[in-house]
PDB file of all heavy atoms in Angstrom:
ATOM      1  N   LEU A   1      -4.245   8.252  11.191  1.00  0.00           N
ATOM      2  CA  LEU A   1      -4.426   9.291  12.204  1.00  0.00           C
ATOM      3  C   LEU A   1      -3.435  10.434  12.006  1.00  0.00           C
ATOM      4  O   LEU A   1      -3.773  11.606  12.215  1.00  0.00           O
ATOM      5  CB  LEU A   1      -4.277   8.692  13.603  1.00  0.00           C
ATOM      6  CG  LEU A   1      -5.419   7.785  14.053  1.00  0.00           C
ATOM      7  CD1 LEU A   1      -5.062   7.086  15.366  1.00  0.00           C
ATOM      8  CD2 LEU A   1      -6.711   8.574  14.202  1.00  0.00           C
ATOM      9  N   LEU A   2      -2.207  10.106  11.595  1.00  0.00           N
ATOM     10  CA  LEU A   2      -1.226  11.149  11.311  1.00  0.00           C
ATOM     11  C   LEU A   2      -1.678  12.006  10.135  1.00  0.00           C
ATOM     12  O   LEU A   2      -1.552  13.241  10.163  1.00  0.00           O
ATOM     13  CB  LEU A   2       0.135  10.516  11.020  1.00  0.00           C
ATOM     14  CG  LEU A   2       1.272  11.485  10.671  1.00  0.00           C
ATOM     15  CD1 LEU A   2       1.518  12.492  11.789  1.00  0.00           C
ATOM     16  CD2 LEU A   2       2.559  10.705  10.361  1.00  0.00           C
ATOM     17  N   ALA A   3      -2.203  11.355   9.102  1.00  0.00           N
ATOM     18  CA  ALA A   3      -2.733  12.110   7.955  1.00  0.00           C
ATOM     19  C   ALA A   3      -3.866  13.030   8.395  1.00  0.00           C
ATOM     20  O   ALA A   3      -3.959  14.189   7.968  1.00  0.00           O
ATOM     21  CB  ALA A   3      -3.219  11.151   6.869  1.00  0.00           C
ATOM     22  N   LYS A   4      -4.727  12.512   9.257  1.00  0.00           N
ATOM     23  CA  LYS A   4      -5.854  13.301   9.767  1.00  0.00           C
ATOM     24  C   LYS A   4      -5.344  14.527  10.535  1.00  0.00           C
ATOM     25  O   LYS A   4      -5.820  15.651  10.338  1.00  0.00           O
ATOM     26  CB  LYS A   4      -6.705  12.423  10.679  1.00  0.00           C
ATOM     27  CG  LYS A   4      -8.035  13.028  11.080  1.00  0.00           C
ATOM     28  CD  LYS A   4      -9.068  12.803  10.010  1.00  0.00           C
ATOM     29  CE  LYS A   4     -10.450  13.198  10.497  1.00  0.00           C
ATOM     30  NZ  LYS A   4     -11.469  13.003   9.457  1.00  0.00           N
ATOM     31  N   LYS A   5      -4.365  14.306  11.419  1.00  0.00           N
ATOM     32  CA  LYS A   5      -3.816  15.412  12.204  1.00  0.00           C
ATOM     33  C   LYS A   5      -3.092  16.418  11.317  1.00  0.00           C
ATOM     34  O   LYS A   5      -2.998  17.607  11.664  1.00  0.00           O
ATOM     35  CB  LYS A   5      -2.857  14.866  13.259  1.00  0.00           C
ATOM     36  CG  LYS A   5      -3.533  14.050  14.348  1.00  0.00           C
ATOM     37  CD  LYS A   5      -2.505  13.420  15.283  1.00  0.00           C
ATOM     38  CE  LYS A   5      -3.170  12.533  16.326  1.00  0.00           C
ATOM     39  NZ  LYS A   5      -2.169  11.824  17.175  1.00  0.00           N
ATOM     40  N   ALA A   6      -2.565  15.965  10.197  1.00  0.00           N
ATOM     41  CA  ALA A   6      -1.848  16.855   9.278  1.00  0.00           C
ATOM     42  C   ALA A   6      -2.794  17.637   8.369  1.00  0.00           C
ATOM     43  O   ALA A   6      -2.333  18.453   7.570  1.00  0.00           O
ATOM     44  CB  ALA A   6      -0.873  16.048   8.426  1.00  0.00           C
ATOM     45  N   GLY A   7      -4.093  17.377   8.487  1.00  0.00           N
ATOM     46  CA  GLY A   7      -5.051  18.084   7.646  1.00  0.00           C
ATOM     47  C   GLY A   7      -5.195  17.512   6.252  1.00  0.00           C
ATOM     48  O   GLY A   7      -5.742  18.148   5.357  1.00  0.00           O
ATOM     49  N   MET A   8      -4.708  16.278   6.051  1.00  0.00           N
ATOM     50  CA  MET A   8      -4.778  15.643   4.736  1.00  0.00           C
ATOM     51  C   MET A   8      -6.143  14.999   4.530  1.00  0.00           C
ATOM     52  O   MET A   8      -6.804  14.603   5.484  1.00  0.00           O
ATOM     53  CB  MET A   8      -3.660  14.606   4.603  1.00  0.00           C
ATOM     54  CG  MET A   8      -2.280  15.235   4.596  1.00  0.00           C
ATOM     55  SD  MET A   8      -0.962  14.038   4.897  1.00  0.00           S
ATOM     56  CE  MET A   8       0.460  14.953   4.302  1.00  0.00           C
ATOM     57  N   LYS A   9      -6.560  14.888   3.267  1.00  0.00           N
ATOM     58  CA  LYS A   9      -7.898  14.396   2.936  1.00  0.00           C
ATOM     59  C   LYS A   9      -7.893  13.029   2.258  1.00  0.00           C
ATOM     60  O   LYS A   9      -8.932  12.401   2.117  1.00  0.00           O
ATOM     61  CB  LYS A   9      -8.612  15.407   2.037  1.00  0.00           C
ATOM     62  CG  LYS A   9      -8.763  16.796   2.662  1.00  0.00           C
ATOM     63  CD  LYS A   9      -9.592  16.759   3.927  1.00  0.00           C
ATOM     64  CE  LYS A   9      -9.821  18.155   4.485  1.00  0.00           C
ATOM     65  NZ  LYS A   9     -10.578  18.118   5.757  1.00  0.00           N
ATOM     66  N   TYR A  10      -6.734  12.591   1.780  1.00  0.00           N
ATOM     67  CA  TYR A  10      -6.669  11.275   1.128  1.00  0.00           C
ATOM     68  C   TYR A  10      -5.289  10.670   1.337  1.00  0.00           C
ATOM     69  O   TYR A  10      -4.328  11.372   1.645  1.00  0.00           O
ATOM     70  CB  TYR A  10      -7.008  11.364  -0.359  1.00  0.00           C
ATOM     71  CG  TYR A  10      -6.090  12.239  -1.187  1.00  0.00           C
ATOM     72  CD1 TYR A  10      -5.004  11.703  -1.861  1.00  0.00           C
ATOM     73  CD2 TYR A  10      -6.339  13.607  -1.318  1.00  0.00           C
ATOM     74  CE1 TYR A  10      -4.170  12.496  -2.631  1.00  0.00           C
ATOM     75  CE2 TYR A  10      -5.517  14.416  -2.093  1.00  0.00           C
ATOM     76  CZ  TYR A  10      -4.429  13.856  -2.737  1.00  0.00           C
ATOM     77  OH  TYR A  10      -3.606  14.650  -3.487  1.00  0.00           O
ATOM     78  N   ILE A  11      -5.220   9.359   1.204  1.00  0.00           N
ATOM     79  CA  ILE A  11      -3.961   8.620   1.354  1.00  0.00           C
ATOM     80  C   ILE A  11      -3.735   7.781   0.102  1.00  0.00           C
ATOM     81  O   ILE A  11      -4.639   7.117  -0.390  1.00  0.00           O
ATOM     82  CB  ILE A  11      -4.008   7.701   2.595  1.00  0.00           C
ATOM     83  CG1 ILE A  11      -3.859   8.533   3.872  1.00  0.00           C
ATOM     84  CG2 ILE A  11      -2.930   6.624   2.529  1.00  0.00           C
ATOM     85  CD1 ILE A  11      -3.997   7.730   5.148  1.00  0.00           C
ATOM     86  N   VAL A  12      -2.510   7.839  -0.404  1.00  0.00           N
ATOM     87  CA  VAL A  12      -2.083   6.982  -1.516  1.00  0.00           C
ATOM     88  C   VAL A  12      -0.997   6.057  -0.985  1.00  0.00           C
ATOM     89  O   VAL A  12       0.053   6.520  -0.552  1.00  0.00           O
ATOM     90  CB  VAL A  12      -1.513   7.814  -2.683  1.00  0.00           C
ATOM     91  CG1 VAL A  12      -1.161   6.895  -3.859  1.00  0.00           C
ATOM     92  CG2 VAL A  12      -2.484   8.899  -3.122  1.00  0.00           C
ATOM     93  N   ILE A  13      -1.251   4.758  -0.977  1.00  0.00           N
ATOM     94  CA  ILE A  13      -0.264   3.803  -0.472  1.00  0.00           C
ATOM     95  C   ILE A  13       0.240   2.915  -1.596  1.00  0.00           C
ATOM     96  O   ILE A  13      -0.513   2.536  -2.506  1.00  0.00           O
ATOM     97  CB  ILE A  13      -0.827   2.943   0.683  1.00  0.00           C
ATOM     98  CG1 ILE A  13       0.286   2.068   1.281  1.00  0.00           C
ATOM     99  CG2 ILE A  13      -2.031   2.121   0.248  1.00  0.00           C
ATOM    100  CD1 ILE A  13      -0.063   1.427   2.604  1.00  0.00           C
ATOM    101  N   THR A  14       1.522   2.564  -1.526  1.00  0.00           N
ATOM    102  CA  THR A  14       2.167   1.749  -2.565  1.00  0.00           C
ATOM    103  C   THR A  14       1.727   0.294  -2.439  1.00  0.00           C
ATOM    104  O   THR A  14       2.407  -0.524  -1.822  1.00  0.00           O
ATOM    105  CB  THR A  14       3.703   1.836  -2.447  1.00  0.00           C
ATOM    106  OG1 THR A  14       4.058   1.547  -1.085  1.00  0.00           O
ATOM    107  CG2 THR A  14       4.195   3.213  -2.828  1.00  0.00           C
ATOM    108  N   SER A  15       0.614  -0.031  -3.054  1.00  0.00           N
ATOM    109  CA  SER A  15       0.115  -1.408  -2.988  1.00  0.00           C
ATOM    110  C   SER A  15       1.093  -2.382  -3.647  1.00  0.00           C
ATOM    111  O   SER A  15       1.267  -3.511  -3.199  1.00  0.00           O
ATOM    112  CB  SER A  15      -1.254  -1.502  -3.654  1.00  0.00           C
ATOM    113  OG  SER A  15      -1.172  -1.198  -5.032  1.00  0.00           O
ATOM    114  N   LYS A  16       1.727  -1.946  -4.724  1.00  0.00           N
ATOM    115  CA  LYS A  16       2.829  -2.712  -5.352  1.00  0.00           C
ATOM    116  C   LYS A  16       3.776  -1.715  -6.000  1.00  0.00           C
ATOM    117  O   LYS A  16       3.374  -0.956  -6.879  1.00  0.00           O
ATOM    118  CB  LYS A  16       2.321  -3.691  -6.403  1.00  0.00           C
ATOM    119  CG  LYS A  16       3.465  -4.506  -7.061  1.00  0.00           C
ATOM    120  CD  LYS A  16       3.002  -5.303  -8.283  1.00  0.00           C
ATOM    121  CE  LYS A  16       2.888  -4.399  -9.493  1.00  0.00           C
ATOM    122  NZ  LYS A  16       3.723  -4.776 -10.629  1.00  0.00           N
ATOM    123  N   HIS A  17       5.000  -1.708  -5.525  1.00  0.00           N
ATOM    124  CA  HIS A  17       5.995  -0.812  -6.123  1.00  0.00           C
ATOM    125  C   HIS A  17       6.741  -1.569  -7.228  1.00  0.00           C
ATOM    126  O   HIS A  17       6.338  -2.664  -7.640  1.00  0.00           O
ATOM    127  CB  HIS A  17       6.942  -0.267  -5.049  1.00  0.00           C
ATOM    128  CG  HIS A  17       7.531   1.069  -5.405  1.00  0.00           C
ATOM    129  ND1 HIS A  17       8.665   1.194  -6.174  1.00  0.00           N
ATOM    130  CD2 HIS A  17       7.127   2.326  -5.117  1.00  0.00           C
ATOM    131  CE1 HIS A  17       8.950   2.481  -6.339  1.00  0.00           C
ATOM    132  NE2 HIS A  17       8.025   3.202  -5.709  1.00  0.00           N
ATOM    133  N   HIS A  18       7.831  -0.958  -7.724  1.00  0.00           N
ATOM    134  CA  HIS A  18       8.557  -1.569  -8.851  1.00  0.00           C
ATOM    135  C   HIS A  18       9.141  -2.932  -8.506  1.00  0.00           C
ATOM    136  O   HIS A  18       9.420  -3.735  -9.417  1.00  0.00           O
ATOM    137  CB  HIS A  18       9.695  -0.648  -9.311  1.00  0.00           C
ATOM    138  CG  HIS A  18       9.262   0.744  -9.655  1.00  0.00           C
ATOM    139  ND1 HIS A  18       8.061   1.032 -10.259  1.00  0.00           N
ATOM    140  CD2 HIS A  18       9.894   1.937  -9.491  1.00  0.00           C
ATOM    141  CE1 HIS A  18       7.970   2.335 -10.444  1.00  0.00           C
ATOM    142  NE2 HIS A  18       9.053   2.907  -9.980  1.00  0.00           N
ATOM    143  N   ASP A  19       9.337  -3.210  -7.214  1.00  0.00           N
ATOM    144  CA  ASP A  19       9.930  -4.499  -6.835  1.00  0.00           C
ATOM    145  C   ASP A  19       8.975  -5.666  -7.033  1.00  0.00           C
ATOM    146  O   ASP A  19       9.364  -6.828  -6.891  1.00  0.00           O
ATOM    147  CB  ASP A  19      10.446  -4.473  -5.392  1.00  0.00           C
ATOM    148  CG  ASP A  19       9.359  -4.159  -4.362  1.00  0.00           C
ATOM    149  OD1 ASP A  19       8.178  -4.046  -4.746  1.00  0.00           O
ATOM    150  OD2 ASP A  19       9.704  -4.011  -3.169  1.00  0.00           O
ATOM    151  N   GLY A  20       7.706  -5.371  -7.364  1.00  0.00           N
ATOM    152  CA  GLY A  20       6.749  -6.429  -7.676  1.00  0.00           C
ATOM    153  C   GLY A  20       6.096  -7.066  -6.481  1.00  0.00           C
ATOM    154  O   GLY A  20       5.309  -8.018  -6.631  1.00  0.00           O
ATOM    155  N   VAL A  21       6.380  -6.580  -5.260  1.00  0.00           N
ATOM    156  CA  VAL A  21       5.847  -7.184  -4.044  1.00  0.00           C
ATOM    157  C   VAL A  21       4.498  -6.564  -3.695  1.00  0.00           C
ATOM    158  O   VAL A  21       4.405  -5.364  -3.466  1.00  0.00           O
ATOM    159  CB  VAL A  21       6.824  -6.998  -2.864  1.00  0.00           C
ATOM    160  CG1 VAL A  21       6.271  -7.674  -1.617  1.00  0.00           C
ATOM    161  CG2 VAL A  21       8.193  -7.563  -3.218  1.00  0.00           C
ATOM    162  N   ALA A  22       3.458  -7.401  -3.648  1.00  0.00           N
ATOM    163  CA  ALA A  22       2.134  -6.917  -3.247  1.00  0.00           C
ATOM    164  C   ALA A  22       2.069  -6.796  -1.730  1.00  0.00           C
ATOM    165  O   ALA A  22       2.549  -7.675  -1.011  1.00  0.00           O
ATOM    166  CB  ALA A  22       1.055  -7.876  -3.736  1.00  0.00           C
ATOM    167  N   LEU A  23       1.474  -5.705  -1.238  1.00  0.00           N
ATOM    168  CA  LEU A  23       1.318  -5.537   0.212  1.00  0.00           C
ATOM    169  C   LEU A  23       0.185  -6.388   0.753  1.00  0.00           C
ATOM    170  O   LEU A  23       0.121  -6.629   1.958  1.00  0.00           O
ATOM    171  CB  LEU A  23       1.070  -4.072   0.565  1.00  0.00           C
ATOM    172  CG  LEU A  23       2.215  -3.081   0.350  1.00  0.00           C
ATOM    173  CD1 LEU A  23       1.876  -1.755   1.020  1.00  0.00           C
ATOM    174  CD2 LEU A  23       3.533  -3.616   0.888  1.00  0.00           C
ATOM    175  N   TRP A  24      -0.713  -6.824  -0.106  1.00  0.00           N
ATOM    176  CA  TRP A  24      -1.839  -7.642   0.335  1.00  0.00           C
ATOM    177  C   TRP A  24      -1.594  -9.102  -0.055  1.00  0.00           C
ATOM    178  O   TRP A  24      -0.676  -9.407  -0.828  1.00  0.00           O
ATOM    179  CB  TRP A  24      -3.142  -7.104  -0.281  1.00  0.00           C
ATOM    180  CG  TRP A  24      -3.314  -7.384  -1.743  1.00  0.00           C
ATOM    181  CD1 TRP A  24      -4.106  -8.341  -2.314  1.00  0.00           C
ATOM    182  CD2 TRP A  24      -2.685  -6.704  -2.864  1.00  0.00           C
ATOM    183  NE1 TRP A  24      -4.018  -8.317  -3.688  1.00  0.00           N
ATOM    184  CE2 TRP A  24      -3.149  -7.312  -4.044  1.00  0.00           C
ATOM    185  CE3 TRP A  24      -1.763  -5.661  -2.972  1.00  0.00           C
ATOM    186  CZ2 TRP A  24      -2.742  -6.903  -5.315  1.00  0.00           C
ATOM    187  CZ3 TRP A  24      -1.358  -5.248  -4.238  1.00  0.00           C
ATOM    188  CH2 TRP A  24      -1.846  -5.863  -5.379  1.00  0.00           C
ATOM    189  N   ASN A  25      -2.424  -9.983   0.432  1.00  0.00           N
ATOM    190  CA  ASN A  25      -2.248 -11.411   0.159  1.00  0.00           C
ATOM    191  C   ASN A  25      -2.870 -11.741  -1.200  1.00  0.00           C
ATOM    192  O   ASN A  25      -3.927 -12.359  -1.300  1.00  0.00           O
ATOM    193  CB  ASN A  25      -2.898 -12.238   1.272  1.00  0.00           C
ATOM    194  CG  ASN A  25      -2.529 -13.713   1.187  1.00  0.00           C
ATOM    195  OD1 ASN A  25      -1.655 -14.097   0.411  1.00  0.00           O
ATOM    196  ND2 ASN A  25      -3.193 -14.535   1.968  1.00  0.00           N
ATOM    197  N   SER A  26      -2.162 -11.320  -2.243  1.00  0.00           N
ATOM    198  CA  SER A  26      -2.690 -11.480  -3.594  1.00  0.00           C
ATOM    199  C   SER A  26      -2.746 -12.954  -3.990  1.00  0.00           C
ATOM    200  O   SER A  26      -1.802 -13.717  -3.761  1.00  0.00           O
ATOM    201  CB  SER A  26      -1.805 -10.711  -4.583  1.00  0.00           C
ATOM    202  OG  SER A  26      -2.215 -10.955  -5.906  1.00  0.00           O
ATOM    203  N   LYS A  27      -3.861 -13.333  -4.600  1.00  0.00           N
ATOM    204  CA  LYS A  27      -4.008 -14.712  -5.097  1.00  0.00           C
ATOM    205  C   LYS A  27      -3.254 -14.903  -6.403  1.00  0.00           C
ATOM    206  O   LYS A  27      -3.082 -16.024  -6.868  1.00  0.00           O
ATOM    207  CB  LYS A  27      -5.494 -15.031  -5.287  1.00  0.00           C
ATOM    208  CG  LYS A  27      -6.314 -14.971  -4.007  1.00  0.00           C
ATOM    209  CD  LYS A  27      -7.776 -15.287  -4.281  1.00  0.00           C
ATOM    210  CE  LYS A  27      -8.606 -15.264  -3.001  1.00  0.00           C
ATOM    211  NZ  LYS A  27      -8.616 -13.921  -2.373  1.00  0.00           N
ATOM    212  N   VAL A  28      -2.825 -13.813  -6.998  1.00  0.00           N
ATOM    213  CA  VAL A  28      -2.183 -13.851  -8.311  1.00  0.00           C
ATOM    214  C   VAL A  28      -0.725 -14.275  -8.204  1.00  0.00           C
ATOM    215  O   VAL A  28      -0.190 -14.943  -9.092  1.00  0.00           O
ATOM    216  CB  VAL A  28      -2.288 -12.466  -8.983  1.00  0.00           C
ATOM    217  CG1 VAL A  28      -1.525 -12.445 -10.297  1.00  0.00           C
ATOM    218  CG2 VAL A  28      -3.745 -12.087  -9.184  1.00  0.00           C
ATOM    219  N   SER A  29      -0.072 -13.900  -7.101  1.00  0.00           N
ATOM    220  CA  SER A  29       1.366 -14.128  -6.975  1.00  0.00           C
ATOM    221  C   SER A  29       1.714 -14.486  -5.538  1.00  0.00           C
ATOM    222  O   SER A  29       1.133 -13.951  -4.591  1.00  0.00           O
ATOM    223  CB  SER A  29       2.136 -12.865  -7.401  1.00  0.00           C
ATOM    224  OG  SER A  29       3.502 -12.966  -7.064  1.00  0.00           O
ATOM    225  N   ASP A  30       2.680 -15.401  -5.377  1.00  0.00           N
ATOM    226  CA  ASP A  30       3.172 -15.728  -4.047  1.00  0.00           C
ATOM    227  C   ASP A  30       4.122 -14.651  -3.525  1.00  0.00           C
ATOM    228  O   ASP A  30       4.505 -14.679  -2.356  1.00  0.00           O
ATOM    229  CB  ASP A  30       3.906 -17.070  -4.056  1.00  0.00           C
ATOM    230  CG  ASP A  30       2.946 -18.235  -4.253  1.00  0.00           C
ATOM    231  OD1 ASP A  30       1.756 -18.074  -3.931  1.00  0.00           O
ATOM    232  OD2 ASP A  30       3.398 -19.289  -4.734  1.00  0.00           O
ATOM    233  N   TYR A  31       4.509 -13.740  -4.384  1.00  0.00           N
ATOM    234  CA  TYR A  31       5.474 -12.697  -4.016  1.00  0.00           C
ATOM    235  C   TYR A  31       4.723 -11.528  -3.400  1.00  0.00           C
ATOM    236  O   TYR A  31       4.542 -10.468  -4.001  1.00  0.00           O
ATOM    237  CB  TYR A  31       6.255 -12.269  -5.243  1.00  0.00           C
ATOM    238  CG  TYR A  31       7.664 -11.797  -4.952  1.00  0.00           C
ATOM    239  CD1 TYR A  31       8.558 -12.614  -4.262  1.00  0.00           C
ATOM    240  CD2 TYR A  31       8.108 -10.554  -5.384  1.00  0.00           C
ATOM    241  CE1 TYR A  31       9.860 -12.199  -4.014  1.00  0.00           C
ATOM    242  CE2 TYR A  31       9.410 -10.131  -5.140  1.00  0.00           C
ATOM    243  CZ  TYR A  31      10.282 -10.957  -4.444  1.00  0.00           C
ATOM    244  OH  TYR A  31      11.570 -10.545  -4.195  1.00  0.00           O
ATOM    245  N   SER A  32       4.255 -11.756  -2.164  1.00  0.00           N
ATOM    246  CA  SER A  32       3.511 -10.720  -1.442  1.00  0.00           C
ATOM    247  C   SER A  32       4.064 -10.617  -0.024  1.00  0.00           C
ATOM    248  O   SER A  32       4.654 -11.573   0.494  1.00  0.00           O
ATOM    249  CB  SER A  32       2.016 -11.044  -1.392  1.00  0.00           C
ATOM    250  OG  SER A  32       1.776 -12.159  -0.555  1.00  0.00           O
ATOM    251  N   LEU A  33       3.870  -9.451   0.588  1.00  0.00           N
ATOM    252  CA  LEU A  33       4.412  -9.234   1.927  1.00  0.00           C
ATOM    253  C   LEU A  33       3.838 -10.218   2.955  1.00  0.00           C
ATOM    254  O   LEU A  33       4.601 -10.773   3.751  1.00  0.00           O
ATOM    255  CB  LEU A  33       4.163  -7.789   2.357  1.00  0.00           C
ATOM    256  CG  LEU A  33       4.788  -7.361   3.682  1.00  0.00           C
ATOM    257  CD1 LEU A  33       6.294  -7.559   3.670  1.00  0.00           C
ATOM    258  CD2 LEU A  33       4.441  -5.909   4.000  1.00  0.00           C
TER     259      LEU A  33
END
């Protein structure tokens, strides 16, 4: 909603940054948020 109010058209989210932690419940690794 903040992106929408700011007039932005797309969102890029860090699904996995350099720390190797997946934001989703990845079946590949137990190292997820």
